[in-house]
N, C-alpha and C. Protein backbone atom coordinates (compact mmCIF):
# COMPACT_ATOMS: atom_id res chain seq x y z
N MET A 1 -10.93 5.41 -12.07
CA MET A 1 -10.51 5.94 -10.78
C MET A 1 -9.06 5.51 -10.57
N GLN A 2 -8.12 6.35 -10.99
CA GLN A 2 -6.71 6.00 -11.03
C GLN A 2 -5.94 6.65 -9.90
N LEU A 3 -5.27 5.84 -9.07
CA LEU A 3 -4.39 6.36 -8.04
C LEU A 3 -3.14 6.93 -8.70
N THR A 4 -2.80 8.18 -8.35
CA THR A 4 -1.64 8.82 -8.98
C THR A 4 -0.55 9.19 -7.98
N SER A 5 -0.88 9.37 -6.70
CA SER A 5 0.16 9.69 -5.73
C SER A 5 -0.31 9.36 -4.32
N THR A 6 0.66 9.18 -3.45
CA THR A 6 0.41 9.03 -2.02
C THR A 6 1.38 9.91 -1.27
N ALA A 7 1.03 10.27 -0.05
CA ALA A 7 1.91 11.04 0.82
C ALA A 7 2.24 10.20 2.04
N LEU A 8 3.49 10.21 2.43
CA LEU A 8 3.97 9.27 3.45
C LEU A 8 4.85 10.00 4.45
N ALA A 9 4.65 9.71 5.72
CA ALA A 9 5.49 10.27 6.78
C ALA A 9 6.76 9.44 6.89
N ALA A 10 7.74 9.76 6.09
CA ALA A 10 9.01 9.04 6.09
C ALA A 10 10.09 9.95 5.54
N ASP A 11 11.32 9.71 5.95
CA ASP A 11 12.45 10.51 5.49
C ASP A 11 12.96 10.01 4.15
N PRO A 12 13.25 10.90 3.20
CA PRO A 12 13.82 10.47 1.92
C PRO A 12 15.09 9.63 2.06
N ASP A 13 15.92 9.97 3.06
CA ASP A 13 17.18 9.22 3.22
C ASP A 13 16.94 7.75 3.52
N ALA A 14 15.85 7.44 4.23
CA ALA A 14 15.54 6.05 4.55
C ALA A 14 15.21 5.27 3.28
N TRP A 15 14.44 5.89 2.37
CA TRP A 15 14.08 5.22 1.12
C TRP A 15 15.30 5.09 0.21
N THR A 16 16.18 6.07 0.24
CA THR A 16 17.43 5.96 -0.53
C THR A 16 18.26 4.79 -0.03
N ALA A 17 18.38 4.67 1.30
CA ALA A 17 19.17 3.58 1.89
C ALA A 17 18.58 2.22 1.56
N ALA A 18 17.25 2.15 1.31
CA ALA A 18 16.60 0.88 0.98
C ALA A 18 16.68 0.57 -0.52
N GLY A 19 17.36 1.42 -1.28
CA GLY A 19 17.60 1.10 -2.69
C GLY A 19 16.66 1.77 -3.67
N PHE A 20 15.96 2.82 -3.25
CA PHE A 20 15.06 3.55 -4.14
C PHE A 20 15.73 4.83 -4.64
N THR A 21 15.38 5.24 -5.83
CA THR A 21 15.81 6.53 -6.36
C THR A 21 14.84 7.60 -5.88
N VAL A 22 15.34 8.55 -5.11
CA VAL A 22 14.53 9.64 -4.58
C VAL A 22 14.89 10.91 -5.32
N GLU A 23 13.89 11.56 -5.90
CA GLU A 23 14.11 12.82 -6.60
C GLU A 23 13.12 13.85 -6.09
N SER A 24 13.65 14.99 -5.67
CA SER A 24 12.81 16.08 -5.15
C SER A 24 11.87 15.60 -4.04
N GLY A 25 12.38 14.72 -3.20
CA GLY A 25 11.61 14.27 -2.06
C GLY A 25 10.53 13.27 -2.37
N SER A 26 10.59 12.62 -3.52
CA SER A 26 9.56 11.64 -3.86
C SER A 26 10.17 10.46 -4.61
N VAL A 27 9.43 9.36 -4.59
CA VAL A 27 9.80 8.13 -5.30
C VAL A 27 8.69 7.82 -6.29
N THR A 28 9.06 7.56 -7.54
CA THR A 28 8.06 7.20 -8.54
C THR A 28 8.10 5.69 -8.76
N LEU A 29 6.95 5.05 -8.59
CA LEU A 29 6.81 3.62 -8.78
C LEU A 29 5.68 3.39 -9.77
N GLY A 30 6.02 3.04 -11.01
CA GLY A 30 5.01 2.88 -12.04
C GLY A 30 4.30 4.19 -12.28
N ALA A 31 2.97 4.18 -12.17
CA ALA A 31 2.16 5.37 -12.42
C ALA A 31 1.81 6.12 -11.15
N VAL A 32 2.56 5.87 -10.06
CA VAL A 32 2.25 6.49 -8.77
C VAL A 32 3.49 7.16 -8.19
N ARG A 33 3.32 8.36 -7.69
CA ARG A 33 4.40 9.07 -7.00
C ARG A 33 4.17 8.97 -5.50
N ILE A 34 5.22 8.63 -4.76
CA ILE A 34 5.17 8.60 -3.30
C ILE A 34 5.91 9.82 -2.78
N GLU A 35 5.18 10.74 -2.17
CA GLU A 35 5.78 11.95 -1.61
C GLU A 35 6.25 11.64 -0.18
N LEU A 36 7.51 11.87 0.08
CA LEU A 36 8.12 11.58 1.38
C LEU A 36 8.21 12.88 2.15
N ARG A 37 7.34 13.06 3.13
CA ARG A 37 7.21 14.33 3.81
C ARG A 37 7.99 14.42 5.12
N GLY A 38 8.79 13.39 5.40
CA GLY A 38 9.59 13.40 6.62
C GLY A 38 8.92 12.63 7.75
N ALA A 39 9.74 12.02 8.59
CA ALA A 39 9.21 11.19 9.67
C ALA A 39 8.41 11.99 10.68
N ASP A 40 8.63 13.31 10.74
CA ASP A 40 7.93 14.14 11.72
C ASP A 40 6.60 14.67 11.18
N ALA A 41 6.22 14.26 9.96
CA ALA A 41 5.00 14.81 9.35
C ALA A 41 3.73 14.15 9.88
N GLY A 42 3.87 13.10 10.63
CA GLY A 42 2.70 12.38 11.13
C GLY A 42 3.02 10.91 11.26
N ARG A 43 2.10 10.08 10.81
CA ARG A 43 2.31 8.64 10.93
C ARG A 43 1.73 7.93 9.72
N GLY A 44 2.54 7.09 9.10
CA GLY A 44 2.06 6.24 8.02
C GLY A 44 1.69 6.98 6.75
N LEU A 45 0.68 6.43 6.06
CA LEU A 45 0.18 7.03 4.82
C LEU A 45 -0.73 8.21 5.17
N LEU A 46 -0.33 9.39 4.76
CA LEU A 46 -1.02 10.61 5.17
C LEU A 46 -2.16 10.99 4.22
N GLY A 47 -2.07 10.56 2.97
CA GLY A 47 -3.09 10.93 2.01
C GLY A 47 -2.79 10.33 0.66
N TRP A 48 -3.67 10.61 -0.30
CA TRP A 48 -3.51 10.08 -1.65
C TRP A 48 -4.28 10.94 -2.63
N ASP A 49 -3.87 10.86 -3.89
CA ASP A 49 -4.51 11.61 -4.96
C ASP A 49 -4.93 10.65 -6.07
N PHE A 50 -5.97 11.04 -6.79
CA PHE A 50 -6.47 10.28 -7.93
C PHE A 50 -6.52 11.19 -9.16
N ALA A 51 -6.54 10.57 -10.34
CA ALA A 51 -6.68 11.35 -11.56
C ALA A 51 -8.03 12.06 -11.59
N ALA A 52 -9.06 11.41 -11.07
CA ALA A 52 -10.38 12.02 -10.90
C ALA A 52 -10.84 11.68 -9.49
N ALA A 53 -11.28 12.67 -8.75
CA ALA A 53 -11.59 12.46 -7.34
C ALA A 53 -12.82 11.58 -7.17
N PRO A 54 -12.83 10.69 -6.17
CA PRO A 54 -14.04 9.96 -5.82
C PRO A 54 -15.19 10.91 -5.52
N THR A 55 -16.40 10.41 -5.67
CA THR A 55 -17.58 11.27 -5.58
C THR A 55 -18.22 11.29 -4.21
N GLY A 56 -17.59 10.68 -3.23
CA GLY A 56 -18.17 10.67 -1.89
C GLY A 56 -17.14 10.26 -0.87
N PRO A 57 -17.51 10.26 0.43
CA PRO A 57 -16.59 9.88 1.49
C PRO A 57 -16.19 8.41 1.39
N LEU A 58 -15.01 8.09 1.93
CA LEU A 58 -14.42 6.76 1.80
C LEU A 58 -14.34 6.05 3.15
N ASP A 59 -15.35 6.22 3.97
CA ASP A 59 -15.46 5.50 5.24
C ASP A 59 -14.27 5.73 6.15
N GLY A 60 -13.76 6.95 6.18
CA GLY A 60 -12.66 7.28 7.07
C GLY A 60 -11.30 7.30 6.40
N LEU A 61 -11.16 6.69 5.23
CA LEU A 61 -9.91 6.81 4.50
C LEU A 61 -9.71 8.26 4.09
N PRO A 62 -8.46 8.73 3.94
CA PRO A 62 -8.23 10.14 3.64
C PRO A 62 -8.99 10.61 2.41
N GLU A 63 -9.51 11.83 2.49
CA GLU A 63 -10.20 12.42 1.34
C GLU A 63 -9.16 12.76 0.27
N PRO A 64 -9.27 12.19 -0.93
CA PRO A 64 -8.22 12.39 -1.93
C PRO A 64 -8.32 13.76 -2.61
N GLY A 65 -7.15 14.20 -3.08
CA GLY A 65 -7.11 15.29 -4.02
C GLY A 65 -7.02 14.74 -5.43
N THR A 66 -6.77 15.61 -6.38
CA THR A 66 -6.59 15.18 -7.76
C THR A 66 -5.20 15.57 -8.23
N ALA A 67 -4.59 14.68 -9.01
CA ALA A 67 -3.26 14.93 -9.55
C ALA A 67 -3.05 14.02 -10.74
N THR A 68 -2.24 14.47 -11.68
CA THR A 68 -1.92 13.65 -12.84
C THR A 68 -0.86 12.62 -12.47
N ALA A 69 -0.83 11.53 -13.22
CA ALA A 69 0.16 10.48 -12.98
C ALA A 69 1.54 10.98 -13.38
N PRO A 70 2.58 10.55 -12.66
CA PRO A 70 3.95 10.97 -13.01
C PRO A 70 4.43 10.28 -14.28
N ALA A 71 5.47 10.85 -14.87
CA ALA A 71 6.12 10.19 -16.00
C ALA A 71 6.77 8.90 -15.51
N PRO A 72 6.68 7.82 -16.27
CA PRO A 72 7.27 6.55 -15.82
C PRO A 72 8.78 6.62 -15.74
N VAL A 73 9.33 5.85 -14.83
CA VAL A 73 10.79 5.72 -14.68
C VAL A 73 11.15 4.25 -14.75
N GLY A 74 12.43 3.96 -14.89
CA GLY A 74 12.88 2.58 -14.93
C GLY A 74 12.95 1.97 -13.55
N PRO A 75 13.37 0.71 -13.46
CA PRO A 75 13.49 0.07 -12.15
C PRO A 75 14.43 0.84 -11.23
N HIS A 76 14.16 0.74 -9.95
CA HIS A 76 15.03 1.35 -8.95
C HIS A 76 16.28 0.48 -8.75
N PRO A 77 17.31 1.01 -8.12
CA PRO A 77 18.52 0.20 -7.90
C PRO A 77 18.25 -1.14 -7.21
N ASN A 78 17.19 -1.21 -6.39
CA ASN A 78 16.84 -2.48 -5.75
C ASN A 78 15.99 -3.39 -6.64
N GLY A 79 15.69 -2.95 -7.86
CA GLY A 79 14.94 -3.76 -8.82
C GLY A 79 13.44 -3.58 -8.77
N ILE A 80 12.92 -2.84 -7.80
CA ILE A 80 11.47 -2.66 -7.65
C ILE A 80 10.95 -1.74 -8.75
N THR A 81 9.79 -2.12 -9.32
CA THR A 81 9.28 -1.42 -10.50
C THR A 81 7.96 -0.67 -10.29
N ALA A 82 7.12 -1.11 -9.37
CA ALA A 82 5.77 -0.53 -9.29
C ALA A 82 5.14 -0.90 -7.95
N ILE A 83 3.96 -0.32 -7.71
CA ILE A 83 3.13 -0.70 -6.56
C ILE A 83 2.15 -1.77 -7.02
N ASP A 84 2.11 -2.88 -6.33
CA ASP A 84 1.12 -3.92 -6.62
C ASP A 84 -0.21 -3.57 -5.96
N HIS A 85 -0.18 -3.29 -4.65
CA HIS A 85 -1.40 -2.89 -3.99
C HIS A 85 -1.14 -2.03 -2.76
N VAL A 86 -2.14 -1.21 -2.46
CA VAL A 86 -2.19 -0.43 -1.22
C VAL A 86 -3.14 -1.16 -0.28
N VAL A 87 -2.72 -1.32 0.97
CA VAL A 87 -3.51 -2.06 1.95
C VAL A 87 -4.21 -1.10 2.89
N ALA A 88 -5.50 -1.33 3.08
CA ALA A 88 -6.28 -0.60 4.09
C ALA A 88 -6.93 -1.62 5.02
N PHE A 89 -7.16 -1.21 6.27
CA PHE A 89 -7.85 -2.06 7.23
C PHE A 89 -9.21 -1.44 7.56
N SER A 90 -10.19 -2.30 7.75
CA SER A 90 -11.52 -1.86 8.15
C SER A 90 -12.04 -2.77 9.25
N PRO A 91 -12.71 -2.21 10.28
CA PRO A 91 -13.33 -3.06 11.28
C PRO A 91 -14.62 -3.70 10.79
N ASP A 92 -15.15 -3.20 9.67
CA ASP A 92 -16.45 -3.69 9.18
C ASP A 92 -16.47 -3.62 7.66
N LEU A 93 -16.16 -4.73 7.01
CA LEU A 93 -16.10 -4.76 5.56
C LEU A 93 -17.45 -4.46 4.93
N GLU A 94 -18.53 -4.89 5.59
CA GLU A 94 -19.87 -4.67 5.05
C GLU A 94 -20.27 -3.19 5.09
N ARG A 95 -19.56 -2.40 5.83
CA ARG A 95 -19.78 -0.95 5.85
C ARG A 95 -18.86 -0.24 4.86
N THR A 96 -17.59 -0.67 4.83
CA THR A 96 -16.59 0.02 4.01
C THR A 96 -16.78 -0.23 2.53
N VAL A 97 -17.06 -1.47 2.14
CA VAL A 97 -17.19 -1.78 0.71
C VAL A 97 -18.29 -0.97 0.04
N PRO A 98 -19.51 -0.92 0.57
CA PRO A 98 -20.53 -0.09 -0.08
C PRO A 98 -20.16 1.39 -0.16
N ALA A 99 -19.46 1.89 0.86
CA ALA A 99 -19.05 3.29 0.83
C ALA A 99 -18.07 3.55 -0.31
N LEU A 100 -17.12 2.66 -0.49
CA LEU A 100 -16.15 2.84 -1.58
C LEU A 100 -16.81 2.69 -2.94
N GLU A 101 -17.72 1.73 -3.06
CA GLU A 101 -18.44 1.58 -4.33
C GLU A 101 -19.27 2.82 -4.63
N ALA A 102 -19.93 3.38 -3.62
CA ALA A 102 -20.76 4.57 -3.83
C ALA A 102 -19.92 5.77 -4.25
N ALA A 103 -18.65 5.78 -3.82
CA ALA A 103 -17.75 6.88 -4.19
C ALA A 103 -17.16 6.69 -5.58
N GLY A 104 -17.44 5.55 -6.23
CA GLY A 104 -16.98 5.34 -7.59
C GLY A 104 -15.83 4.38 -7.76
N LEU A 105 -15.34 3.77 -6.68
CA LEU A 105 -14.25 2.81 -6.80
C LEU A 105 -14.78 1.48 -7.35
N ASP A 106 -13.94 0.81 -8.10
CA ASP A 106 -14.33 -0.38 -8.87
C ASP A 106 -14.02 -1.65 -8.08
N LEU A 107 -15.05 -2.23 -7.44
CA LEU A 107 -14.87 -3.49 -6.72
C LEU A 107 -14.69 -4.62 -7.72
N ARG A 108 -13.58 -5.34 -7.59
CA ARG A 108 -13.30 -6.45 -8.50
C ARG A 108 -13.67 -7.81 -7.91
N ARG A 109 -13.39 -8.00 -6.63
CA ARG A 109 -13.75 -9.29 -6.05
C ARG A 109 -13.62 -9.21 -4.53
N ARG A 110 -14.22 -10.20 -3.89
CA ARG A 110 -14.04 -10.43 -2.45
C ARG A 110 -13.30 -11.75 -2.27
N ARG A 111 -12.69 -11.90 -1.13
CA ARG A 111 -11.97 -13.13 -0.84
C ARG A 111 -12.26 -13.55 0.59
N GLU A 112 -12.56 -14.81 0.76
CA GLU A 112 -12.75 -15.39 2.09
C GLU A 112 -11.63 -16.40 2.30
N GLY A 113 -10.82 -16.19 3.30
CA GLY A 113 -9.72 -17.11 3.55
C GLY A 113 -8.66 -16.43 4.38
N PRO A 114 -7.80 -17.19 5.03
CA PRO A 114 -6.80 -16.61 5.94
C PRO A 114 -5.77 -15.77 5.19
N THR A 115 -5.28 -14.73 5.87
CA THR A 115 -4.20 -13.90 5.36
C THR A 115 -3.07 -13.93 6.37
N GLY A 116 -1.95 -13.32 5.97
CA GLY A 116 -0.82 -13.25 6.88
C GLY A 116 -1.13 -12.47 8.14
N ALA A 117 -2.11 -11.55 8.06
CA ALA A 117 -2.48 -10.75 9.23
C ALA A 117 -3.53 -11.42 10.10
N GLY A 118 -4.00 -12.61 9.69
CA GLY A 118 -4.98 -13.33 10.49
C GLY A 118 -6.41 -13.08 10.10
N SER A 119 -6.65 -12.15 9.19
CA SER A 119 -8.02 -11.86 8.78
C SER A 119 -8.52 -12.94 7.82
N ALA A 120 -9.84 -13.05 7.70
CA ALA A 120 -10.42 -14.04 6.80
C ALA A 120 -11.24 -13.40 5.69
N ARG A 121 -11.31 -12.06 5.64
CA ARG A 121 -12.16 -11.41 4.65
C ARG A 121 -11.44 -10.21 4.05
N GLN A 122 -11.47 -10.13 2.72
CA GLN A 122 -10.84 -9.03 2.00
C GLN A 122 -11.72 -8.61 0.83
N ALA A 123 -11.54 -7.37 0.40
CA ALA A 123 -12.17 -6.88 -0.82
C ALA A 123 -11.12 -6.14 -1.63
N PHE A 124 -11.20 -6.26 -2.96
CA PHE A 124 -10.17 -5.71 -3.83
C PHE A 124 -10.80 -4.74 -4.82
N PHE A 125 -10.26 -3.52 -4.86
CA PHE A 125 -10.73 -2.48 -5.77
C PHE A 125 -9.61 -2.14 -6.75
N ARG A 126 -9.96 -1.94 -8.01
CA ARG A 126 -8.98 -1.51 -9.00
C ARG A 126 -8.93 0.01 -9.01
N VAL A 127 -7.73 0.58 -8.79
CA VAL A 127 -7.54 2.04 -8.84
C VAL A 127 -6.38 2.33 -9.81
N GLY A 128 -6.65 2.19 -11.10
CA GLY A 128 -5.62 2.33 -12.11
C GLY A 128 -4.79 1.06 -12.18
N GLU A 129 -3.46 1.20 -12.20
CA GLU A 129 -2.61 0.01 -12.27
C GLU A 129 -2.45 -0.64 -10.90
N VAL A 130 -2.98 -0.02 -9.88
CA VAL A 130 -2.81 -0.47 -8.50
C VAL A 130 -4.12 -1.08 -7.99
N ILE A 131 -4.00 -2.03 -7.08
CA ILE A 131 -5.14 -2.60 -6.37
C ILE A 131 -5.21 -2.00 -4.97
N LEU A 132 -6.40 -1.59 -4.56
CA LEU A 132 -6.65 -1.25 -3.17
C LEU A 132 -7.21 -2.49 -2.49
N GLU A 133 -6.47 -3.04 -1.56
CA GLU A 133 -6.88 -4.24 -0.83
C GLU A 133 -7.40 -3.82 0.54
N VAL A 134 -8.67 -4.03 0.77
CA VAL A 134 -9.29 -3.69 2.06
C VAL A 134 -9.43 -4.97 2.87
N VAL A 135 -8.77 -5.01 4.00
CA VAL A 135 -8.72 -6.20 4.86
C VAL A 135 -9.56 -5.94 6.10
N GLU A 136 -10.48 -6.84 6.39
CA GLU A 136 -11.26 -6.69 7.62
C GLU A 136 -10.43 -7.14 8.81
N HIS A 137 -10.60 -6.45 9.92
CA HIS A 137 -9.89 -6.84 11.13
C HIS A 137 -10.18 -8.31 11.46
N PRO A 138 -9.19 -9.03 11.97
CA PRO A 138 -9.44 -10.40 12.40
C PRO A 138 -10.55 -10.46 13.44
N PRO A 139 -11.24 -11.60 13.55
CA PRO A 139 -12.37 -11.70 14.50
C PRO A 139 -12.01 -11.29 15.91
N GLN A 140 -10.82 -11.70 16.39
CA GLN A 140 -10.46 -11.36 17.77
C GLN A 140 -10.29 -9.86 17.95
N ALA A 141 -9.79 -9.18 16.90
CA ALA A 141 -9.63 -7.73 16.98
C ALA A 141 -10.99 -7.04 16.92
N ARG A 142 -11.90 -7.59 16.11
CA ARG A 142 -13.26 -7.02 16.04
C ARG A 142 -13.97 -7.14 17.39
N GLU A 143 -13.76 -8.25 18.05
CA GLU A 143 -14.41 -8.46 19.33
C GLU A 143 -13.86 -7.53 20.40
N ALA A 144 -12.56 -7.24 20.30
CA ALA A 144 -11.91 -6.42 21.33
C ALA A 144 -11.94 -4.93 21.00
N GLY A 145 -12.21 -4.58 19.74
CA GLY A 145 -12.11 -3.20 19.31
C GLY A 145 -13.45 -2.54 19.06
N ASP A 146 -13.36 -1.38 18.39
CA ASP A 146 -14.53 -0.57 18.08
C ASP A 146 -14.91 -0.80 16.62
N VAL A 147 -15.99 -1.54 16.38
CA VAL A 147 -16.38 -1.84 15.00
C VAL A 147 -16.92 -0.60 14.30
N ALA A 148 -17.17 0.48 15.03
CA ALA A 148 -17.62 1.72 14.41
C ALA A 148 -16.45 2.62 14.00
N ALA A 149 -15.22 2.19 14.32
CA ALA A 149 -14.04 3.00 13.97
C ALA A 149 -13.91 3.10 12.45
N PRO A 150 -13.29 4.17 11.95
CA PRO A 150 -13.15 4.33 10.50
C PRO A 150 -12.12 3.37 9.91
N ALA A 151 -12.23 3.16 8.62
CA ALA A 151 -11.19 2.43 7.90
C ALA A 151 -9.91 3.29 7.88
N ARG A 152 -8.77 2.64 7.65
CA ARG A 152 -7.52 3.39 7.63
C ARG A 152 -6.54 2.76 6.65
N LEU A 153 -5.74 3.61 6.02
CA LEU A 153 -4.65 3.11 5.18
C LEU A 153 -3.57 2.52 6.07
N TRP A 154 -2.94 1.44 5.57
CA TRP A 154 -2.01 0.73 6.44
C TRP A 154 -0.64 0.48 5.82
N GLY A 155 -0.58 0.03 4.56
CA GLY A 155 0.73 -0.34 4.03
C GLY A 155 0.74 -0.47 2.52
N LEU A 156 1.91 -0.86 2.01
CA LEU A 156 2.14 -0.98 0.57
C LEU A 156 2.75 -2.33 0.25
N ALA A 157 2.39 -2.86 -0.91
CA ALA A 157 3.05 -4.04 -1.45
C ALA A 157 3.59 -3.65 -2.82
N LEU A 158 4.88 -3.84 -3.01
CA LEU A 158 5.57 -3.39 -4.22
C LEU A 158 5.97 -4.59 -5.07
N LEU A 159 6.22 -4.33 -6.35
CA LEU A 159 6.53 -5.39 -7.31
C LEU A 159 8.00 -5.40 -7.70
N THR A 160 8.56 -6.61 -7.83
CA THR A 160 9.90 -6.79 -8.38
C THR A 160 9.90 -8.01 -9.28
N PRO A 161 10.67 -8.00 -10.36
CA PRO A 161 10.76 -9.19 -11.20
C PRO A 161 11.70 -10.25 -10.62
N ASP A 162 12.54 -9.87 -9.65
CA ASP A 162 13.54 -10.80 -9.09
C ASP A 162 13.69 -10.49 -7.61
N ILE A 163 12.92 -11.18 -6.78
CA ILE A 163 12.91 -10.85 -5.36
C ILE A 163 14.22 -11.23 -4.67
N ASP A 164 14.92 -12.22 -5.20
CA ASP A 164 16.21 -12.57 -4.60
C ASP A 164 17.22 -11.45 -4.80
N ALA A 165 17.21 -10.84 -5.99
CA ALA A 165 18.11 -9.72 -6.25
C ALA A 165 17.71 -8.51 -5.40
N THR A 166 16.42 -8.28 -5.25
CA THR A 166 15.95 -7.17 -4.41
C THR A 166 16.34 -7.38 -2.96
N ALA A 167 16.18 -8.59 -2.47
CA ALA A 167 16.55 -8.89 -1.08
C ALA A 167 18.06 -8.72 -0.88
N ALA A 168 18.85 -9.13 -1.87
CA ALA A 168 20.30 -8.98 -1.77
C ALA A 168 20.68 -7.50 -1.73
N ALA A 169 19.99 -6.68 -2.53
CA ALA A 169 20.28 -5.25 -2.55
C ALA A 169 19.89 -4.59 -1.24
N ALA A 170 18.79 -5.05 -0.64
CA ALA A 170 18.32 -4.46 0.61
C ALA A 170 19.13 -4.91 1.81
N GLY A 171 19.74 -6.09 1.73
CA GLY A 171 20.55 -6.60 2.83
C GLY A 171 19.76 -6.77 4.11
N ALA A 172 20.31 -6.27 5.21
CA ALA A 172 19.68 -6.44 6.52
C ALA A 172 18.38 -5.65 6.67
N LEU A 173 18.06 -4.78 5.71
CA LEU A 173 16.83 -4.00 5.79
C LEU A 173 15.61 -4.78 5.33
N MET A 174 15.80 -6.00 4.86
CA MET A 174 14.67 -6.82 4.41
C MET A 174 14.71 -8.17 5.08
N GLY A 175 13.54 -8.68 5.45
CA GLY A 175 13.42 -9.99 6.06
C GLY A 175 13.57 -11.10 5.03
N PRO A 176 13.44 -12.35 5.46
CA PRO A 176 13.62 -13.48 4.56
C PRO A 176 12.55 -13.57 3.48
N VAL A 177 12.92 -14.11 2.34
CA VAL A 177 11.98 -14.35 1.25
C VAL A 177 11.23 -15.64 1.53
N LYS A 178 9.92 -15.62 1.32
CA LYS A 178 9.11 -16.82 1.54
C LYS A 178 7.99 -16.89 0.51
N ASP A 179 7.31 -18.01 0.44
CA ASP A 179 6.19 -18.15 -0.47
C ASP A 179 5.03 -17.27 -0.01
N ALA A 180 4.39 -16.59 -0.97
CA ALA A 180 3.22 -15.78 -0.67
C ALA A 180 1.97 -16.65 -0.63
N ILE A 181 0.86 -16.08 -0.15
CA ILE A 181 -0.41 -16.80 -0.15
C ILE A 181 -0.83 -17.14 -1.57
N GLN A 182 -0.59 -16.18 -2.49
CA GLN A 182 -0.95 -16.41 -3.89
C GLN A 182 -0.01 -17.44 -4.50
N PRO A 183 -0.53 -18.50 -5.11
CA PRO A 183 0.33 -19.53 -5.69
C PRO A 183 1.31 -18.95 -6.71
N GLY A 184 2.55 -19.39 -6.63
CA GLY A 184 3.55 -18.98 -7.59
C GLY A 184 4.21 -17.65 -7.30
N ARG A 185 3.82 -16.98 -6.23
CA ARG A 185 4.41 -15.69 -5.89
C ARG A 185 5.25 -15.82 -4.63
N ARG A 186 6.27 -14.98 -4.53
CA ARG A 186 7.14 -14.96 -3.36
C ARG A 186 7.16 -13.56 -2.79
N ILE A 187 7.40 -13.47 -1.49
CA ILE A 187 7.24 -12.20 -0.79
C ILE A 187 8.31 -12.02 0.27
N ALA A 188 8.68 -10.79 0.52
CA ALA A 188 9.55 -10.43 1.64
C ALA A 188 9.11 -9.06 2.14
N THR A 189 9.50 -8.72 3.35
CA THR A 189 9.05 -7.48 3.97
C THR A 189 10.24 -6.67 4.46
N PHE A 190 10.21 -5.37 4.19
CA PHE A 190 11.24 -4.51 4.77
C PHE A 190 11.09 -4.49 6.29
N THR A 191 12.21 -4.46 6.98
CA THR A 191 12.20 -4.51 8.44
C THR A 191 11.82 -3.15 9.03
N ARG A 192 11.51 -3.15 10.30
CA ARG A 192 11.21 -1.90 11.01
C ARG A 192 12.42 -0.96 10.96
N GLU A 193 13.61 -1.55 10.97
CA GLU A 193 14.83 -0.73 10.95
C GLU A 193 14.99 0.05 9.65
N ALA A 194 14.32 -0.39 8.59
CA ALA A 194 14.38 0.35 7.34
C ALA A 194 13.72 1.72 7.45
N ALA A 195 12.79 1.87 8.38
CA ALA A 195 12.14 3.16 8.68
C ALA A 195 11.49 3.78 7.44
N LEU A 196 10.73 2.95 6.70
CA LEU A 196 10.07 3.43 5.49
C LEU A 196 8.73 4.12 5.77
N GLY A 197 8.33 4.20 7.01
CA GLY A 197 7.13 4.94 7.37
C GLY A 197 5.87 4.13 7.49
N VAL A 198 5.77 3.05 6.71
CA VAL A 198 4.64 2.12 6.78
C VAL A 198 5.19 0.70 6.56
N ALA A 199 4.32 -0.27 6.78
CA ALA A 199 4.68 -1.64 6.43
C ALA A 199 4.82 -1.74 4.91
N VAL A 200 5.96 -2.24 4.43
CA VAL A 200 6.21 -2.35 3.00
C VAL A 200 6.65 -3.78 2.69
N ALA A 201 5.83 -4.48 1.91
CA ALA A 201 6.18 -5.81 1.43
C ALA A 201 6.60 -5.71 -0.03
N VAL A 202 7.37 -6.70 -0.47
CA VAL A 202 7.80 -6.76 -1.87
C VAL A 202 7.42 -8.13 -2.40
N ILE A 203 6.78 -8.15 -3.57
CA ILE A 203 6.27 -9.38 -4.16
C ILE A 203 6.88 -9.60 -5.53
N GLN A 204 7.25 -10.84 -5.79
CA GLN A 204 7.66 -11.23 -7.14
C GLN A 204 6.48 -11.93 -7.80
């Protein structure tokens, strides 16, 4: 079950300004193409495609189409090379995980422990070279919200071999570099002013 493309409500010029190579309205990161449909196309991640479509509904996540993986390209001017993981949020992990497994996605592990978003529970699915990270809403959000609401795509985490060089290239469009939760990894996040359409973190 290989992720091959995503569609994003963001302007190509914003991604160019952040140091990405944009060709024909899309950015290729590893084996995944990001289609930039313009900021007026909606909000956030609009959809995604797989090499072979899942066999059932994905608990509210967009119904995928099918598409082949793009030809690989070299690093972007900002040094970023690939997508590490796509982040989705769910109000009920015990509902979303079985739905994704039933649709054919490959559950690799669960994690119990705090995250930067305050949640304590995550599940990780392998979708080709990319990980789909499903994060359960923090307890306070679950108590205040609708636990029957659907899961939703939320953001991207991208890979770079040199996060200091990437941060230097991004300039004011990226926040400070700090240690990630994962030992030995460092992380920074593009700012809201970068206008990339979704939350975008970069990991070394």
